[in-house]
Amino acid sequence: MKLIIASNNSGKIKEIKDIFKNKFDEIISMKEAGCNIDVVEDGTTFFENAFKKARTISEFTQSVALSDDSGLVVDALNGAPGIYSARYGGENTNDEKNIDKLLLNMKDVKNRQARFVSCVVLYFPEGKFLSAVGTAEGEILYERKGEGGFGYDPVFYSYELKKSFAEASVEEKNKISHRGKALRLLYKKLKEVINGKV
């Protein structure tokens, strides 16, 4: 089975390929599939955005498509940046600007509890789909720590790893990350469908 990743985020694509390697005949990105559609993420939840992306790319390519919509949910900010995590810093933003805005908004906040949330959707051309959600609990650091990862990884301290995501190795992060958990749960559901258990 060929799988198309409905994303243009290089960090996300690499993570998905690492976690799903040897589980599909071929895993390629939208770009590699010659698909240059820009799917507008106008949903109000992680699921709505992930579902829309996966369905759009699957229908366009007539292949199985996997989409992930994920973000950082901070308790003290009433769940922000949430579904707006990738564009939290405003127009023409990037990882650094997003982190700068987050640290500024958290400057004098004592409750720094937060979690990464990932919703993944696997959509089939015939209209069926599977979905799964994964979370990683932690808190927001006062400053960046570590050189790895992407997105908010340098300021997210993982309770499970006892360090920031950016200080973790790829293998360490993938074992406990929100996306890793969601993808493994999704694959478990897929195997049950293939084996006729569902």
N, C-alpha and C. Protein backbone atom coordinates (compact mmCIF):
# COMPACT_ATOMS: atom_id res chain seq x y z
N MET A 1 0.83 -1.20 0.00
CA MET A 1 0.00 0.00 0.00
C MET A 1 0.87 1.26 0.00
N LYS A 2 0.56 2.16 -0.94
CA LYS A 2 1.30 3.43 -1.00
C LYS A 2 0.60 4.45 -0.12
N LEU A 3 1.39 5.22 0.62
CA LEU A 3 0.83 6.22 1.52
C LEU A 3 1.36 7.60 1.16
N ILE A 4 0.45 8.56 1.01
CA ILE A 4 0.84 9.93 0.74
C ILE A 4 0.62 10.77 2.00
N ILE A 5 1.65 11.46 2.42
CA ILE A 5 1.55 12.32 3.61
C ILE A 5 1.04 13.68 3.18
N ALA A 6 -0.12 14.05 3.69
CA ALA A 6 -0.76 15.31 3.30
C ALA A 6 -0.17 16.47 4.11
N SER A 7 1.08 16.78 3.82
CA SER A 7 1.76 17.86 4.53
C SER A 7 2.93 18.37 3.71
N ASN A 8 3.28 19.62 3.93
CA ASN A 8 4.49 20.19 3.33
C ASN A 8 5.53 20.54 4.40
N ASN A 9 5.22 20.16 5.64
CA ASN A 9 6.12 20.43 6.77
C ASN A 9 7.21 19.36 6.79
N SER A 10 8.44 19.76 6.48
CA SER A 10 9.53 18.78 6.35
C SER A 10 9.80 18.03 7.66
N GLY A 11 9.71 18.73 8.78
CA GLY A 11 9.94 18.09 10.08
C GLY A 11 8.89 17.03 10.36
N LYS A 12 7.64 17.37 10.07
CA LYS A 12 6.53 16.45 10.29
C LYS A 12 6.64 15.23 9.36
N ILE A 13 6.99 15.48 8.10
CA ILE A 13 7.13 14.39 7.11
C ILE A 13 8.21 13.42 7.56
N LYS A 14 9.34 13.95 8.02
CA LYS A 14 10.44 13.09 8.47
C LYS A 14 10.01 12.24 9.66
N GLU A 15 9.31 12.85 10.60
CA GLU A 15 8.83 12.13 11.78
C GLU A 15 7.90 10.99 11.37
N ILE A 16 6.95 11.29 10.51
CA ILE A 16 5.98 10.27 10.08
C ILE A 16 6.68 9.14 9.36
N LYS A 17 7.64 9.47 8.48
CA LYS A 17 8.39 8.43 7.76
C LYS A 17 9.19 7.57 8.74
N ASP A 18 9.79 8.20 9.75
CA ASP A 18 10.57 7.45 10.74
C ASP A 18 9.69 6.49 11.53
N ILE A 19 8.52 6.97 11.94
CA ILE A 19 7.62 6.15 12.77
C ILE A 19 6.94 5.06 11.95
N PHE A 20 6.61 5.36 10.70
CA PHE A 20 5.87 4.41 9.85
C PHE A 20 6.75 3.61 8.90
N LYS A 21 8.07 3.73 9.03
CA LYS A 21 8.94 3.01 8.08
C LYS A 21 8.71 1.50 8.19
N ASN A 22 8.78 0.84 7.05
CA ASN A 22 8.56 -0.60 6.92
C ASN A 22 7.10 -1.02 7.13
N LYS A 23 6.20 -0.06 7.32
CA LYS A 23 4.80 -0.40 7.54
C LYS A 23 3.96 -0.22 6.27
N PHE A 24 4.52 0.46 5.28
CA PHE A 24 3.84 0.63 3.99
C PHE A 24 4.85 0.36 2.88
N ASP A 25 4.34 0.00 1.69
CA ASP A 25 5.23 -0.28 0.56
C ASP A 25 6.02 0.96 0.18
N GLU A 26 5.35 2.11 0.24
CA GLU A 26 5.98 3.37 -0.14
C GLU A 26 5.33 4.50 0.64
N ILE A 27 6.14 5.40 1.16
CA ILE A 27 5.62 6.58 1.86
C ILE A 27 6.22 7.81 1.19
N ILE A 28 5.35 8.65 0.63
CA ILE A 28 5.84 9.85 -0.05
C ILE A 28 5.07 11.09 0.40
N SER A 29 5.69 12.23 0.25
CA SER A 29 5.04 13.49 0.62
C SER A 29 4.14 13.95 -0.52
N MET A 30 3.32 14.95 -0.24
CA MET A 30 2.49 15.56 -1.27
C MET A 30 3.34 16.03 -2.45
N LYS A 31 4.44 16.67 -2.12
CA LYS A 31 5.33 17.23 -3.14
C LYS A 31 5.87 16.13 -4.02
N GLU A 32 6.30 15.04 -3.40
CA GLU A 32 6.84 13.90 -4.16
C GLU A 32 5.77 13.25 -5.04
N ALA A 33 4.51 13.43 -4.63
CA ALA A 33 3.40 12.86 -5.40
C ALA A 33 2.93 13.83 -6.49
N GLY A 34 3.60 15.00 -6.58
CA GLY A 34 3.23 15.99 -7.58
C GLY A 34 1.94 16.71 -7.25
N CYS A 35 1.64 16.77 -5.96
CA CYS A 35 0.39 17.38 -5.51
C CYS A 35 0.70 18.73 -4.85
N ASN A 36 0.33 19.81 -5.52
CA ASN A 36 0.65 21.15 -5.01
C ASN A 36 -0.58 21.90 -4.49
N ILE A 37 -1.53 21.16 -3.98
CA ILE A 37 -2.76 21.78 -3.45
C ILE A 37 -2.46 22.42 -2.10
N ASP A 38 -2.97 23.62 -1.91
CA ASP A 38 -2.86 24.29 -0.61
C ASP A 38 -4.22 24.18 0.08
N VAL A 39 -4.32 23.25 1.01
CA VAL A 39 -5.59 23.02 1.70
C VAL A 39 -5.75 24.06 2.82
N VAL A 40 -6.82 24.82 2.76
CA VAL A 40 -7.09 25.85 3.77
C VAL A 40 -7.57 25.17 5.05
N GLU A 41 -6.82 25.39 6.14
CA GLU A 41 -7.19 24.78 7.42
C GLU A 41 -8.16 25.71 8.15
N ASP A 42 -9.45 25.56 7.85
CA ASP A 42 -10.45 26.45 8.44
C ASP A 42 -11.35 25.74 9.45
N GLY A 43 -10.91 24.56 9.89
CA GLY A 43 -11.67 23.83 10.90
C GLY A 43 -11.53 24.45 12.27
N THR A 44 -12.38 24.04 13.19
CA THR A 44 -12.33 24.56 14.56
C THR A 44 -11.68 23.57 15.53
N THR A 45 -11.32 22.39 15.02
CA THR A 45 -10.66 21.38 15.85
C THR A 45 -9.51 20.76 15.08
N PHE A 46 -8.63 20.07 15.80
CA PHE A 46 -7.53 19.35 15.14
C PHE A 46 -8.10 18.30 14.19
N PHE A 47 -9.17 17.61 14.61
CA PHE A 47 -9.76 16.56 13.77
C PHE A 47 -10.29 17.15 12.46
N GLU A 48 -11.04 18.24 12.55
CA GLU A 48 -11.63 18.82 11.33
C GLU A 48 -10.55 19.19 10.31
N ASN A 49 -9.46 19.77 10.79
CA ASN A 49 -8.37 20.16 9.88
C ASN A 49 -7.67 18.94 9.29
N ALA A 50 -7.41 17.95 10.13
CA ALA A 50 -6.73 16.73 9.66
C ALA A 50 -7.60 15.98 8.65
N PHE A 51 -8.89 15.89 8.95
CA PHE A 51 -9.82 15.18 8.06
C PHE A 51 -9.90 15.86 6.70
N LYS A 52 -10.00 17.18 6.70
CA LYS A 52 -10.11 17.93 5.44
C LYS A 52 -8.86 17.73 4.58
N LYS A 53 -7.70 17.82 5.21
CA LYS A 53 -6.44 17.66 4.45
C LYS A 53 -6.33 16.25 3.87
N ALA A 54 -6.59 15.24 4.70
CA ALA A 54 -6.47 13.86 4.24
C ALA A 54 -7.45 13.55 3.12
N ARG A 55 -8.71 13.98 3.27
CA ARG A 55 -9.72 13.71 2.24
C ARG A 55 -9.38 14.42 0.93
N THR A 56 -8.97 15.68 1.02
CA THR A 56 -8.65 16.45 -0.19
C THR A 56 -7.51 15.80 -0.98
N ILE A 57 -6.45 15.43 -0.29
CA ILE A 57 -5.29 14.84 -0.96
C ILE A 57 -5.60 13.44 -1.48
N SER A 58 -6.36 12.68 -0.72
CA SER A 58 -6.73 11.33 -1.16
C SER A 58 -7.59 11.38 -2.42
N GLU A 59 -8.57 12.29 -2.43
CA GLU A 59 -9.46 12.41 -3.60
C GLU A 59 -8.69 12.91 -4.83
N PHE A 60 -7.73 13.79 -4.60
CA PHE A 60 -6.94 14.34 -5.72
C PHE A 60 -6.00 13.30 -6.31
N THR A 61 -5.37 12.51 -5.45
CA THR A 61 -4.36 11.54 -5.91
C THR A 61 -4.93 10.14 -6.14
N GLN A 62 -6.15 9.91 -5.61
CA GLN A 62 -6.75 8.58 -5.64
C GLN A 62 -5.85 7.54 -4.95
N SER A 63 -5.20 8.00 -3.88
CA SER A 63 -4.35 7.14 -3.07
C SER A 63 -4.74 7.30 -1.61
N VAL A 64 -4.23 6.41 -0.79
CA VAL A 64 -4.44 6.54 0.65
C VAL A 64 -3.63 7.73 1.14
N ALA A 65 -4.25 8.62 1.91
CA ALA A 65 -3.55 9.82 2.39
C ALA A 65 -3.61 9.88 3.91
N LEU A 66 -2.50 10.32 4.47
CA LEU A 66 -2.40 10.49 5.92
C LEU A 66 -2.18 11.95 6.24
N SER A 67 -2.99 12.47 7.14
CA SER A 67 -2.81 13.86 7.56
C SER A 67 -2.71 13.93 9.07
N ASP A 68 -1.94 14.89 9.52
CA ASP A 68 -1.82 15.14 10.95
C ASP A 68 -2.09 16.62 11.18
N ASP A 69 -2.94 16.91 12.14
CA ASP A 69 -3.07 18.30 12.58
C ASP A 69 -2.72 18.30 14.05
N SER A 70 -1.76 19.10 14.40
CA SER A 70 -1.28 19.06 15.77
C SER A 70 -0.94 20.46 16.25
N GLY A 71 -0.79 20.58 17.55
CA GLY A 71 -0.45 21.88 18.09
C GLY A 71 -0.17 21.83 19.57
N LEU A 72 0.20 22.96 20.08
CA LEU A 72 0.53 23.11 21.49
C LEU A 72 -0.65 23.73 22.21
N VAL A 73 -1.07 23.10 23.29
CA VAL A 73 -2.21 23.58 24.07
C VAL A 73 -1.69 23.99 25.45
N VAL A 74 -1.79 25.27 25.77
CA VAL A 74 -1.26 25.80 27.03
C VAL A 74 -2.42 26.17 27.95
N ASP A 75 -2.44 25.57 29.13
CA ASP A 75 -3.56 25.79 30.06
C ASP A 75 -3.76 27.26 30.41
N ALA A 76 -2.68 27.95 30.76
CA ALA A 76 -2.78 29.34 31.21
C ALA A 76 -3.21 30.29 30.10
N LEU A 77 -3.12 29.84 28.86
CA LEU A 77 -3.53 30.68 27.72
C LEU A 77 -4.88 30.22 27.16
N ASN A 78 -5.64 29.54 28.00
CA ASN A 78 -6.97 29.04 27.60
C ASN A 78 -6.92 28.14 26.36
N GLY A 79 -5.87 27.34 26.28
CA GLY A 79 -5.75 26.39 25.18
C GLY A 79 -4.98 26.89 23.97
N ALA A 80 -4.64 28.17 23.96
CA ALA A 80 -3.83 28.72 22.86
C ALA A 80 -2.40 28.18 22.97
N PRO A 81 -1.65 28.16 21.86
CA PRO A 81 -2.05 28.53 20.50
C PRO A 81 -2.95 27.52 19.80
N GLY A 82 -3.04 26.28 20.30
CA GLY A 82 -3.99 25.31 19.79
C GLY A 82 -3.91 25.08 18.30
N ILE A 83 -5.07 25.15 17.62
CA ILE A 83 -5.09 24.88 16.17
C ILE A 83 -4.37 25.96 15.37
N TYR A 84 -4.04 27.06 16.04
CA TYR A 84 -3.31 28.15 15.36
C TYR A 84 -1.80 28.10 15.66
N SER A 85 -1.31 26.99 16.17
CA SER A 85 0.09 26.87 16.59
C SER A 85 1.08 27.24 15.50
N ALA A 86 0.83 26.80 14.26
CA ALA A 86 1.78 27.05 13.17
C ALA A 86 1.81 28.51 12.75
N ARG A 87 0.72 29.25 13.03
CA ARG A 87 0.67 30.66 12.61
C ARG A 87 0.45 31.61 13.79
N TYR A 88 0.90 31.17 14.94
CA TYR A 88 0.71 31.93 16.18
C TYR A 88 1.41 33.29 16.15
N GLY A 89 2.55 33.36 15.49
CA GLY A 89 3.35 34.59 15.46
C GLY A 89 2.86 35.63 14.47
N GLY A 90 1.75 35.38 13.78
CA GLY A 90 1.22 36.34 12.81
C GLY A 90 1.59 35.98 11.39
N GLU A 91 1.36 36.91 10.49
CA GLU A 91 1.68 36.66 9.07
C GLU A 91 3.18 36.52 8.86
N ASN A 92 3.55 35.69 7.89
CA ASN A 92 4.97 35.43 7.58
C ASN A 92 5.75 34.98 8.81
N THR A 93 5.09 34.19 9.65
CA THR A 93 5.75 33.75 10.87
C THR A 93 6.65 32.55 10.60
N ASN A 94 7.41 32.16 11.61
CA ASN A 94 8.25 30.96 11.54
C ASN A 94 8.37 30.41 12.97
N ASP A 95 9.11 29.32 13.12
CA ASP A 95 9.23 28.70 14.45
C ASP A 95 9.74 29.69 15.50
N GLU A 96 10.75 30.47 15.13
CA GLU A 96 11.36 31.40 16.09
C GLU A 96 10.37 32.47 16.54
N LYS A 97 9.63 33.03 15.59
CA LYS A 97 8.65 34.07 15.94
C LYS A 97 7.52 33.51 16.79
N ASN A 98 7.11 32.28 16.48
CA ASN A 98 6.06 31.63 17.27
C ASN A 98 6.51 31.44 18.72
N ILE A 99 7.75 30.97 18.88
CA ILE A 99 8.29 30.75 20.22
C ILE A 99 8.45 32.08 20.96
N ASP A 100 8.94 33.10 20.26
CA ASP A 100 9.11 34.42 20.89
C ASP A 100 7.78 34.94 21.44
N LYS A 101 6.71 34.79 20.66
CA LYS A 101 5.40 35.27 21.11
C LYS A 101 4.91 34.45 22.30
N LEU A 102 5.13 33.14 22.25
CA LEU A 102 4.71 32.28 23.35
C LEU A 102 5.43 32.65 24.65
N LEU A 103 6.75 32.82 24.57
CA LEU A 103 7.52 33.17 25.76
C LEU A 103 7.12 34.53 26.31
N LEU A 104 6.80 35.45 25.42
CA LEU A 104 6.35 36.77 25.85
C LEU A 104 5.02 36.68 26.58
N ASN A 105 4.10 35.90 26.04
CA ASN A 105 2.78 35.75 26.66
C ASN A 105 2.83 34.95 27.96
N MET A 106 3.91 34.18 28.14
CA MET A 106 4.05 33.35 29.35
C MET A 106 5.04 33.96 30.34
N LYS A 107 5.48 35.17 30.07
CA LYS A 107 6.55 35.82 30.83
C LYS A 107 6.36 35.77 32.36
N ASP A 108 5.22 36.18 32.84
CA ASP A 108 4.98 36.23 34.28
C ASP A 108 3.99 35.17 34.76
N VAL A 109 3.83 34.13 33.97
CA VAL A 109 2.86 33.08 34.30
C VAL A 109 3.52 31.95 35.08
N LYS A 110 2.91 31.60 36.23
CA LYS A 110 3.48 30.53 37.06
C LYS A 110 3.00 29.14 36.61
N ASN A 111 1.73 29.04 36.24
CA ASN A 111 1.21 27.76 35.75
C ASN A 111 1.65 27.57 34.30
N ARG A 112 2.64 26.71 34.10
CA ARG A 112 3.21 26.55 32.75
C ARG A 112 2.84 25.19 32.13
N GLN A 113 1.84 24.55 32.70
CA GLN A 113 1.44 23.24 32.20
C GLN A 113 0.89 23.34 30.77
N ALA A 114 1.31 22.36 29.95
CA ALA A 114 0.91 22.36 28.54
C ALA A 114 0.99 20.96 27.98
N ARG A 115 0.44 20.79 26.81
CA ARG A 115 0.55 19.50 26.15
C ARG A 115 0.55 19.68 24.64
N PHE A 116 1.23 18.78 23.97
CA PHE A 116 1.13 18.70 22.52
C PHE A 116 -0.01 17.74 22.20
N VAL A 117 -0.83 18.09 21.24
CA VAL A 117 -1.94 17.23 20.81
C VAL A 117 -1.79 16.96 19.32
N SER A 118 -1.98 15.71 18.93
CA SER A 118 -1.93 15.35 17.52
C SER A 118 -3.16 14.52 17.16
N CYS A 119 -3.83 14.93 16.09
CA CYS A 119 -4.92 14.12 15.54
C CYS A 119 -4.50 13.69 14.15
N VAL A 120 -4.48 12.39 13.91
CA VAL A 120 -4.10 11.87 12.60
C VAL A 120 -5.30 11.21 11.94
N VAL A 121 -5.41 11.41 10.63
CA VAL A 121 -6.50 10.81 9.86
C VAL A 121 -5.92 10.09 8.65
N LEU A 122 -6.32 8.85 8.47
CA LEU A 122 -5.94 8.06 7.30
C LEU A 122 -7.20 7.93 6.45
N TYR A 123 -7.14 8.49 5.24
CA TYR A 123 -8.33 8.53 4.38
C TYR A 123 -8.12 7.69 3.13
N PHE A 124 -9.13 6.89 2.81
CA PHE A 124 -9.06 6.00 1.65
C PHE A 124 -9.90 6.57 0.51
N PRO A 125 -9.46 6.38 -0.74
CA PRO A 125 -10.16 6.96 -1.90
C PRO A 125 -11.65 6.61 -1.96
N GLU A 126 -12.00 5.43 -1.41
CA GLU A 126 -13.42 5.03 -1.46
C GLU A 126 -14.28 5.72 -0.40
N GLY A 127 -13.64 6.56 0.42
CA GLY A 127 -14.41 7.35 1.38
C GLY A 127 -14.32 6.92 2.83
N LYS A 128 -13.69 5.79 3.09
CA LYS A 128 -13.53 5.34 4.49
C LYS A 128 -12.35 6.06 5.11
N PHE A 129 -12.35 6.15 6.44
CA PHE A 129 -11.21 6.78 7.11
C PHE A 129 -11.04 6.22 8.52
N LEU A 130 -9.84 6.37 9.04
CA LEU A 130 -9.52 6.02 10.42
C LEU A 130 -8.89 7.25 11.06
N SER A 131 -9.07 7.41 12.36
CA SER A 131 -8.44 8.55 13.03
C SER A 131 -7.97 8.13 14.42
N ALA A 132 -7.02 8.88 14.95
CA ALA A 132 -6.51 8.62 16.29
C ALA A 132 -5.92 9.91 16.85
N VAL A 133 -5.90 9.99 18.17
CA VAL A 133 -5.38 11.18 18.86
C VAL A 133 -4.29 10.76 19.84
N GLY A 134 -3.24 11.56 19.92
CA GLY A 134 -2.17 11.32 20.89
C GLY A 134 -1.82 12.62 21.59
N THR A 135 -1.41 12.52 22.85
CA THR A 135 -1.00 13.72 23.60
C THR A 135 0.32 13.46 24.31
N ALA A 136 1.06 14.53 24.54
CA ALA A 136 2.31 14.48 25.30
C ALA A 136 2.26 15.60 26.33
N GLU A 137 2.31 15.24 27.60
CA GLU A 137 2.18 16.22 28.68
C GLU A 137 3.52 16.83 29.06
N GLY A 138 3.49 18.10 29.42
CA GLY A 138 4.72 18.77 29.83
C GLY A 138 4.44 20.18 30.29
N GLU A 139 5.44 21.03 30.16
CA GLU A 139 5.26 22.43 30.53
C GLU A 139 6.17 23.32 29.69
N ILE A 140 5.85 24.60 29.69
CA ILE A 140 6.60 25.56 28.89
C ILE A 140 7.80 26.07 29.69
N LEU A 141 8.98 25.95 29.10
CA LEU A 141 10.21 26.43 29.74
C LEU A 141 10.28 27.96 29.66
N TYR A 142 11.17 28.55 30.45
CA TYR A 142 11.34 30.00 30.43
C TYR A 142 12.26 30.45 29.29
N GLU A 143 13.02 29.49 28.76
CA GLU A 143 13.93 29.79 27.64
C GLU A 143 14.15 28.53 26.81
N ARG A 144 14.69 28.70 25.63
CA ARG A 144 14.95 27.58 24.73
C ARG A 144 16.02 26.66 25.29
N LYS A 145 15.82 25.35 25.09
CA LYS A 145 16.83 24.37 25.49
C LYS A 145 16.91 23.28 24.44
N GLY A 146 18.10 23.06 23.89
CA GLY A 146 18.30 22.01 22.90
C GLY A 146 18.33 22.53 21.48
N GLU A 147 18.91 21.75 20.59
CA GLU A 147 19.08 22.16 19.20
C GLU A 147 18.27 21.31 18.23
N GLY A 148 17.65 20.24 18.70
CA GLY A 148 16.95 19.33 17.80
C GLY A 148 15.49 19.71 17.61
N GLY A 149 14.77 18.80 16.92
CA GLY A 149 13.34 18.98 16.74
C GLY A 149 12.97 20.15 15.86
N PHE A 150 11.72 20.59 15.99
CA PHE A 150 11.21 21.72 15.22
C PHE A 150 10.02 22.30 15.96
N GLY A 151 9.48 23.38 15.43
CA GLY A 151 8.32 23.99 16.08
C GLY A 151 8.64 24.48 17.49
N TYR A 152 7.79 24.12 18.44
CA TYR A 152 7.95 24.58 19.82
C TYR A 152 8.83 23.66 20.67
N ASP A 153 9.46 22.67 20.04
CA ASP A 153 10.26 21.68 20.77
C ASP A 153 11.27 22.27 21.77
N PRO A 154 11.97 23.38 21.43
CA PRO A 154 12.98 23.91 22.36
C PRO A 154 12.41 24.46 23.68
N VAL A 155 11.11 24.78 23.70
CA VAL A 155 10.54 25.35 24.94
C VAL A 155 9.51 24.42 25.58
N PHE A 156 9.41 23.18 25.07
CA PHE A 156 8.48 22.22 25.66
C PHE A 156 9.25 21.18 26.46
N TYR A 157 9.06 21.22 27.78
CA TYR A 157 9.71 20.25 28.68
C TYR A 157 8.77 19.06 28.83
N SER A 158 9.26 17.88 28.43
CA SER A 158 8.46 16.67 28.49
C SER A 158 8.58 16.01 29.86
N TYR A 159 7.43 15.74 30.49
CA TYR A 159 7.43 15.06 31.79
C TYR A 159 7.98 13.65 31.66
N GLU A 160 7.71 12.99 30.54
CA GLU A 160 8.16 11.61 30.36
C GLU A 160 9.66 11.53 30.11
N LEU A 161 10.20 12.47 29.34
CA LEU A 161 11.63 12.43 29.00
C LEU A 161 12.50 13.17 30.01
N LYS A 162 11.89 14.03 30.81
CA LYS A 162 12.62 14.86 31.79
C LYS A 162 13.62 15.80 31.10
N LYS A 163 13.24 16.26 29.92
CA LYS A 163 14.04 17.23 29.18
C LYS A 163 13.16 17.80 28.06
N SER A 164 13.67 18.81 27.39
CA SER A 164 12.88 19.40 26.31
C SER A 164 12.88 18.45 25.11
N PHE A 165 11.86 18.59 24.26
CA PHE A 165 11.82 17.77 23.05
C PHE A 165 13.05 18.05 22.17
N ALA A 166 13.55 19.29 22.21
CA ALA A 166 14.70 19.65 21.38
C ALA A 166 16.00 19.06 21.91
N GLU A 167 16.00 18.61 23.18
CA GLU A 167 17.19 17.97 23.76
C GLU A 167 17.16 16.46 23.56
N ALA A 168 16.02 15.94 23.10
CA ALA A 168 15.86 14.50 22.93
C ALA A 168 16.36 14.04 21.56
N SER A 169 16.76 12.79 21.49
CA SER A 169 17.13 12.21 20.19
C SER A 169 15.83 11.94 19.43
N VAL A 170 15.96 11.72 18.14
CA VAL A 170 14.78 11.43 17.31
C VAL A 170 14.05 10.20 17.85
N GLU A 171 14.82 9.18 18.22
CA GLU A 171 14.24 7.94 18.72
C GLU A 171 13.50 8.17 20.03
N GLU A 172 14.11 8.94 20.94
CA GLU A 172 13.47 9.23 22.23
C GLU A 172 12.16 9.98 22.03
N LYS A 173 12.20 11.00 21.20
CA LYS A 173 11.01 11.82 20.98
C LYS A 173 9.89 11.00 20.33
N ASN A 174 10.23 10.23 19.30
CA ASN A 174 9.21 9.47 18.59
C ASN A 174 8.51 8.43 19.47
N LYS A 175 9.21 7.95 20.50
CA LYS A 175 8.63 6.95 21.39
C LYS A 175 7.49 7.52 22.23
N ILE A 176 7.61 8.80 22.60
CA ILE A 176 6.61 9.34 23.54
C ILE A 176 5.88 10.58 23.01
N SER A 177 6.22 11.02 21.81
CA SER A 177 5.61 12.24 21.29
C SER A 177 4.12 12.05 21.00
N HIS A 178 3.40 13.15 20.98
CA HIS A 178 1.98 13.14 20.65
C HIS A 178 1.73 12.49 19.29
N ARG A 179 2.57 12.84 18.31
CA ARG A 179 2.41 12.30 16.97
C ARG A 179 2.75 10.82 16.93
N GLY A 180 3.80 10.44 17.66
CA GLY A 180 4.19 9.04 17.73
C GLY A 180 3.08 8.18 18.31
N LYS A 181 2.48 8.68 19.39
CA LYS A 181 1.38 7.94 20.03
C LYS A 181 0.18 7.83 19.11
N ALA A 182 -0.18 8.92 18.45
CA ALA A 182 -1.33 8.93 17.54
C ALA A 182 -1.10 7.99 16.36
N LEU A 183 0.10 8.02 15.79
CA LEU A 183 0.40 7.18 14.63
C LEU A 183 0.41 5.69 14.98
N ARG A 184 0.96 5.36 16.15
CA ARG A 184 0.97 3.95 16.55
C ARG A 184 -0.45 3.44 16.81
N LEU A 185 -1.29 4.29 17.42
CA LEU A 185 -2.68 3.90 17.64
C LEU A 185 -3.42 3.75 16.31
N LEU A 186 -3.14 4.65 15.38
CA LEU A 186 -3.75 4.58 14.06
C LEU A 186 -3.34 3.30 13.34
N TYR A 187 -2.07 2.96 13.42
CA TYR A 187 -1.58 1.75 12.75
C TYR A 187 -2.21 0.50 13.36
N LYS A 188 -2.42 0.53 14.67
CA LYS A 188 -3.07 -0.60 15.35
C LYS A 188 -4.51 -0.76 14.82
N LYS A 189 -5.21 0.35 14.65
CA LYS A 189 -6.58 0.32 14.11
C LYS A 189 -6.57 -0.21 12.67
N LEU A 190 -5.57 0.24 11.89
CA LEU A 190 -5.47 -0.19 10.49
C LEU A 190 -5.24 -1.70 10.41
N LYS A 191 -4.40 -2.24 11.27
CA LYS A 191 -4.12 -3.67 11.27
C LYS A 191 -5.38 -4.46 11.61
N GLU A 192 -6.18 -3.92 12.54
CA GLU A 192 -7.43 -4.59 12.92
C GLU A 192 -8.41 -4.63 11.75
N VAL A 193 -8.43 -3.53 10.97
CA VAL A 193 -9.31 -3.48 9.79
C VAL A 193 -8.84 -4.49 8.76
N ILE A 194 -7.53 -4.50 8.51
CA ILE A 194 -6.95 -5.42 7.51
C ILE A 194 -7.18 -6.87 7.89
N ASN A 195 -7.09 -7.15 9.20
CA ASN A 195 -7.26 -8.52 9.68
C ASN A 195 -8.73 -8.89 9.90
N GLY A 196 -9.61 -7.96 9.55
CA GLY A 196 -11.03 -8.25 9.64
C GLY A 196 -11.62 -8.25 11.03
N LYS A 197 -10.93 -7.58 11.96
CA LYS A 197 -11.42 -7.57 13.33
C LYS A 197 -12.43 -6.43 13.57
N VAL A 198 -12.53 -5.53 12.62
CA VAL A 198 -13.45 -4.39 12.78
C VAL A 198 -14.52 -4.44 11.70
